[in-house]
Amino acid sequence: MKLSSQIKPISYLKAHAADIVRNLSAQGEPLVITQNGEAKVVMQDIESYEQTQETLALLKMLALGMRQIEEDKVQPAEDVILRLRNRGKQR
């Protein structure tokens, strides 16, 4: 993805909002909006946004799992299953 073609000033956003929304949905690429020559916001269609959020959530879970492995805070699945089964028998 080449963002350089997807950079527009805020004045363009004000003048072409409907077209921008339509194009974002069709293209699936984000649009960078600048103000006074500086990048200020990124716009993207909802489907891409949701996909990005899901990906971030998965990456966070993976990072947490890796950290727990490094800190030796994991247990073999067999031990956990046995412990859960024993809890069920005690009730």
N, C-alpha and C. Protein backbone atom coordinates (compact mmCIF):
# COMPACT_ATOMS: atom_id res chain seq x y z
N MET A 1 0.85 -1.17 0.00
CA MET A 1 0.00 0.00 0.00
C MET A 1 0.89 1.23 0.00
N LYS A 2 0.64 2.13 -0.91
CA LYS A 2 1.43 3.33 -1.03
C LYS A 2 0.59 4.51 -0.54
N LEU A 3 0.90 5.01 0.65
CA LEU A 3 0.09 6.07 1.23
C LEU A 3 0.28 7.42 0.55
N SER A 4 1.38 7.62 -0.15
CA SER A 4 1.64 8.93 -0.75
C SER A 4 0.52 9.37 -1.69
N SER A 5 -0.16 8.43 -2.32
CA SER A 5 -1.27 8.79 -3.21
C SER A 5 -2.58 8.96 -2.44
N GLN A 6 -2.55 8.67 -1.17
CA GLN A 6 -3.75 8.75 -0.34
C GLN A 6 -3.64 9.84 0.72
N ILE A 7 -2.99 10.94 0.38
CA ILE A 7 -2.85 12.06 1.31
C ILE A 7 -3.58 13.26 0.73
N LYS A 8 -4.48 13.82 1.53
CA LYS A 8 -5.27 14.96 1.06
C LYS A 8 -5.35 16.00 2.19
N PRO A 9 -5.43 17.28 1.82
CA PRO A 9 -5.59 18.32 2.84
C PRO A 9 -7.02 18.33 3.38
N ILE A 10 -7.19 18.93 4.53
CA ILE A 10 -8.51 18.96 5.16
C ILE A 10 -9.52 19.71 4.29
N SER A 11 -9.06 20.67 3.50
CA SER A 11 -9.97 21.39 2.61
C SER A 11 -10.58 20.43 1.57
N TYR A 12 -9.81 19.44 1.13
CA TYR A 12 -10.32 18.45 0.19
C TYR A 12 -11.41 17.61 0.86
N LEU A 13 -11.19 17.26 2.11
CA LEU A 13 -12.19 16.50 2.87
C LEU A 13 -13.48 17.29 2.97
N LYS A 14 -13.38 18.56 3.30
CA LYS A 14 -14.57 19.40 3.43
C LYS A 14 -15.35 19.49 2.12
N ALA A 15 -14.64 19.58 1.02
CA ALA A 15 -15.29 19.76 -0.28
C ALA A 15 -15.78 18.47 -0.91
N HIS A 16 -15.20 17.33 -0.52
CA HIS A 16 -15.51 16.06 -1.20
C HIS A 16 -15.87 14.93 -0.23
N ALA A 17 -16.50 15.24 0.87
CA ALA A 17 -16.76 14.23 1.91
C ALA A 17 -17.51 13.02 1.37
N ALA A 18 -18.56 13.23 0.63
CA ALA A 18 -19.37 12.11 0.12
C ALA A 18 -18.54 11.22 -0.82
N ASP A 19 -17.76 11.84 -1.70
CA ASP A 19 -16.91 11.07 -2.61
C ASP A 19 -15.86 10.28 -1.84
N ILE A 20 -15.30 10.90 -0.82
CA ILE A 20 -14.27 10.23 -0.02
C ILE A 20 -14.84 8.98 0.65
N VAL A 21 -16.01 9.12 1.25
CA VAL A 21 -16.64 7.97 1.91
C VAL A 21 -16.91 6.86 0.92
N ARG A 22 -17.41 7.21 -0.24
CA ARG A 22 -17.70 6.21 -1.28
C ARG A 22 -16.41 5.51 -1.72
N ASN A 23 -15.35 6.28 -1.94
CA ASN A 23 -14.08 5.72 -2.39
C ASN A 23 -13.41 4.87 -1.31
N LEU A 24 -13.52 5.29 -0.06
CA LEU A 24 -12.91 4.50 1.01
C LEU A 24 -13.52 3.11 1.05
N SER A 25 -14.81 3.03 0.90
CA SER A 25 -15.49 1.73 0.92
C SER A 25 -15.07 0.88 -0.27
N ALA A 26 -14.93 1.51 -1.42
CA ALA A 26 -14.59 0.76 -2.64
C ALA A 26 -13.13 0.34 -2.66
N GLN A 27 -12.23 1.21 -2.25
CA GLN A 27 -10.80 0.94 -2.35
C GLN A 27 -10.26 0.12 -1.19
N GLY A 28 -10.79 0.34 0.00
CA GLY A 28 -10.29 -0.38 1.16
C GLY A 28 -8.95 0.13 1.66
N GLU A 29 -8.48 1.26 1.13
CA GLU A 29 -7.21 1.84 1.57
C GLU A 29 -7.48 3.07 2.44
N PRO A 30 -6.66 3.30 3.44
CA PRO A 30 -6.88 4.46 4.30
C PRO A 30 -6.53 5.77 3.58
N LEU A 31 -7.06 6.86 4.09
CA LEU A 31 -6.80 8.19 3.56
C LEU A 31 -6.22 9.03 4.68
N VAL A 32 -5.08 9.65 4.43
CA VAL A 32 -4.43 10.52 5.41
C VAL A 32 -4.89 11.94 5.15
N ILE A 33 -5.39 12.60 6.18
CA ILE A 33 -5.84 13.99 6.08
C ILE A 33 -4.80 14.87 6.77
N THR A 34 -4.39 15.92 6.05
CA THR A 34 -3.40 16.84 6.61
C THR A 34 -4.06 18.15 7.01
N GLN A 35 -3.43 18.81 7.96
CA GLN A 35 -3.86 20.14 8.37
C GLN A 35 -2.60 20.97 8.55
N ASN A 36 -2.53 22.09 7.86
CA ASN A 36 -1.33 22.93 7.87
C ASN A 36 -0.09 22.14 7.47
N GLY A 37 -0.26 21.22 6.52
CA GLY A 37 0.87 20.47 6.00
C GLY A 37 1.31 19.29 6.83
N GLU A 38 0.65 19.05 7.95
CA GLU A 38 1.01 17.92 8.82
C GLU A 38 -0.09 16.87 8.81
N ALA A 39 0.30 15.61 8.79
CA ALA A 39 -0.68 14.53 8.87
C ALA A 39 -1.37 14.59 10.23
N LYS A 40 -2.70 14.60 10.22
CA LYS A 40 -3.46 14.72 11.47
C LYS A 40 -4.35 13.52 11.76
N VAL A 41 -5.00 12.99 10.73
CA VAL A 41 -5.91 11.86 10.95
C VAL A 41 -5.81 10.87 9.79
N VAL A 42 -6.24 9.67 10.08
CA VAL A 42 -6.34 8.64 9.05
C VAL A 42 -7.79 8.19 9.01
N MET A 43 -8.33 8.14 7.82
CA MET A 43 -9.70 7.67 7.63
C MET A 43 -9.65 6.34 6.91
N GLN A 44 -10.55 5.43 7.32
CA GLN A 44 -10.65 4.15 6.63
C GLN A 44 -12.08 3.64 6.73
N ASP A 45 -12.43 2.74 5.83
CA ASP A 45 -13.78 2.20 5.84
C ASP A 45 -13.95 1.29 7.05
N ILE A 46 -15.18 1.07 7.45
CA ILE A 46 -15.48 0.33 8.68
C ILE A 46 -15.01 -1.11 8.62
N GLU A 47 -15.11 -1.74 7.47
CA GLU A 47 -14.69 -3.14 7.34
C GLU A 47 -13.18 -3.27 7.58
N SER A 48 -12.40 -2.37 7.00
CA SER A 48 -10.95 -2.39 7.22
C SER A 48 -10.62 -2.08 8.67
N TYR A 49 -11.35 -1.14 9.26
CA TYR A 49 -11.12 -0.79 10.66
C TYR A 49 -11.38 -2.00 11.57
N GLU A 50 -12.49 -2.67 11.36
CA GLU A 50 -12.82 -3.84 12.18
C GLU A 50 -11.78 -4.93 12.01
N GLN A 51 -11.32 -5.14 10.79
CA GLN A 51 -10.29 -6.15 10.54
C GLN A 51 -8.99 -5.78 11.26
N THR A 52 -8.65 -4.52 11.23
CA THR A 52 -7.45 -4.05 11.93
C THR A 52 -7.58 -4.27 13.43
N GLN A 53 -8.75 -3.97 13.98
CA GLN A 53 -8.96 -4.15 15.42
C GLN A 53 -8.88 -5.62 15.81
N GLU A 54 -9.45 -6.50 14.99
CA GLU A 54 -9.38 -7.94 15.26
C GLU A 54 -7.93 -8.43 15.21
N THR A 55 -7.19 -7.94 14.24
CA THR A 55 -5.78 -8.33 14.11
C THR A 55 -4.99 -7.86 15.33
N LEU A 56 -5.22 -6.62 15.76
CA LEU A 56 -4.54 -6.10 16.95
C LEU A 56 -4.88 -6.92 18.19
N ALA A 57 -6.15 -7.31 18.33
CA ALA A 57 -6.55 -8.11 19.49
C ALA A 57 -5.83 -9.46 19.49
N LEU A 58 -5.74 -10.09 18.32
CA LEU A 58 -5.03 -11.37 18.22
C LEU A 58 -3.55 -11.21 18.54
N LEU A 59 -2.94 -10.14 18.04
CA LEU A 59 -1.53 -9.90 18.32
C LEU A 59 -1.29 -9.66 19.80
N LYS A 60 -2.22 -8.96 20.45
CA LYS A 60 -2.09 -8.73 21.90
C LYS A 60 -2.18 -10.05 22.66
N MET A 61 -3.10 -10.93 22.24
CA MET A 61 -3.21 -12.23 22.90
C MET A 61 -1.96 -13.06 22.70
N LEU A 62 -1.41 -13.02 21.49
CA LEU A 62 -0.17 -13.75 21.22
C LEU A 62 0.98 -13.21 22.07
N ALA A 63 1.08 -11.90 22.16
CA ALA A 63 2.15 -11.28 22.97
C ALA A 63 1.99 -11.65 24.43
N LEU A 64 0.76 -11.64 24.93
CA LEU A 64 0.51 -12.03 26.32
C LEU A 64 0.89 -13.49 26.54
N GLY A 65 0.52 -14.35 25.63
CA GLY A 65 0.87 -15.77 25.73
C GLY A 65 2.37 -15.98 25.72
N MET A 66 3.06 -15.27 24.84
CA MET A 66 4.52 -15.40 24.78
C MET A 66 5.16 -14.91 26.07
N ARG A 67 4.62 -13.81 26.62
CA ARG A 67 5.15 -13.29 27.88
C ARG A 67 4.93 -14.29 29.02
N GLN A 68 3.76 -14.92 29.04
CA GLN A 68 3.48 -15.91 30.08
C GLN A 68 4.40 -17.12 29.94
N ILE A 69 4.71 -17.51 28.72
CA ILE A 69 5.65 -18.62 28.51
C ILE A 69 7.03 -18.23 29.01
N GLU A 70 7.47 -17.01 28.66
CA GLU A 70 8.79 -16.54 29.09
C GLU A 70 8.89 -16.46 30.62
N GLU A 71 7.79 -16.09 31.27
CA GLU A 71 7.78 -15.95 32.73
C GLU A 71 7.44 -17.27 33.42
N ASP A 72 7.36 -18.33 32.64
CA ASP A 72 7.06 -19.67 33.16
C ASP A 72 5.74 -19.70 33.93
N LYS A 73 4.75 -19.03 33.40
CA LYS A 73 3.43 -18.97 34.03
C LYS A 73 2.41 -19.85 33.30
N VAL A 74 2.89 -20.89 32.68
CA VAL A 74 2.00 -21.80 31.96
C VAL A 74 2.08 -23.19 32.58
N GLN A 75 1.03 -23.95 32.34
CA GLN A 75 0.97 -25.32 32.86
C GLN A 75 0.61 -26.24 31.70
N PRO A 76 1.06 -27.48 31.77
CA PRO A 76 0.68 -28.42 30.71
C PRO A 76 -0.85 -28.59 30.68
N ALA A 77 -1.39 -28.70 29.49
CA ALA A 77 -2.83 -28.82 29.31
C ALA A 77 -3.38 -30.05 30.06
N GLU A 78 -2.63 -31.13 30.06
CA GLU A 78 -3.09 -32.35 30.75
C GLU A 78 -3.32 -32.08 32.23
N ASP A 79 -2.42 -31.32 32.87
CA ASP A 79 -2.57 -31.01 34.29
C ASP A 79 -3.82 -30.18 34.55
N VAL A 80 -4.05 -29.20 33.69
CA VAL A 80 -5.22 -28.33 33.85
C VAL A 80 -6.50 -29.13 33.67
N ILE A 81 -6.54 -29.99 32.67
CA ILE A 81 -7.73 -30.81 32.41
C ILE A 81 -8.02 -31.73 33.59
N LEU A 82 -6.99 -32.38 34.11
CA LEU A 82 -7.18 -33.25 35.28
C LEU A 82 -7.71 -32.47 36.47
N ARG A 83 -7.14 -31.29 36.70
CA ARG A 83 -7.58 -30.46 37.83
C ARG A 83 -9.05 -30.05 37.66
N LEU A 84 -9.44 -29.70 36.44
CA LEU A 84 -10.83 -29.32 36.20
C LEU A 84 -11.77 -30.51 36.37
N ARG A 85 -11.36 -31.67 35.93
CA ARG A 85 -12.19 -32.87 36.08
C ARG A 85 -12.35 -33.20 37.55
N ASN A 86 -11.30 -33.07 38.32
CA ASN A 86 -11.36 -33.35 39.75
C ASN A 86 -12.27 -32.37 40.47
N ARG A 87 -12.30 -31.12 40.04
CA ARG A 87 -13.21 -30.14 40.63
C ARG A 87 -14.65 -30.55 40.39
N GLY A 88 -14.93 -31.04 39.18
CA GLY A 88 -16.28 -31.46 38.85
C GLY A 88 -16.74 -32.65 39.68
N LYS A 89 -15.81 -33.55 40.03
CA LYS A 89 -16.16 -34.71 40.82
C LYS A 89 -16.43 -34.34 42.30
N GLN A 90 -15.79 -33.26 42.75
CA GLN A 90 -15.93 -32.85 44.15
C GLN A 90 -17.26 -32.18 44.40
N ARG A 91 -17.94 -31.74 43.39
CA ARG A 91 -19.22 -31.00 43.59
C ARG A 91 -20.37 -31.92 43.72
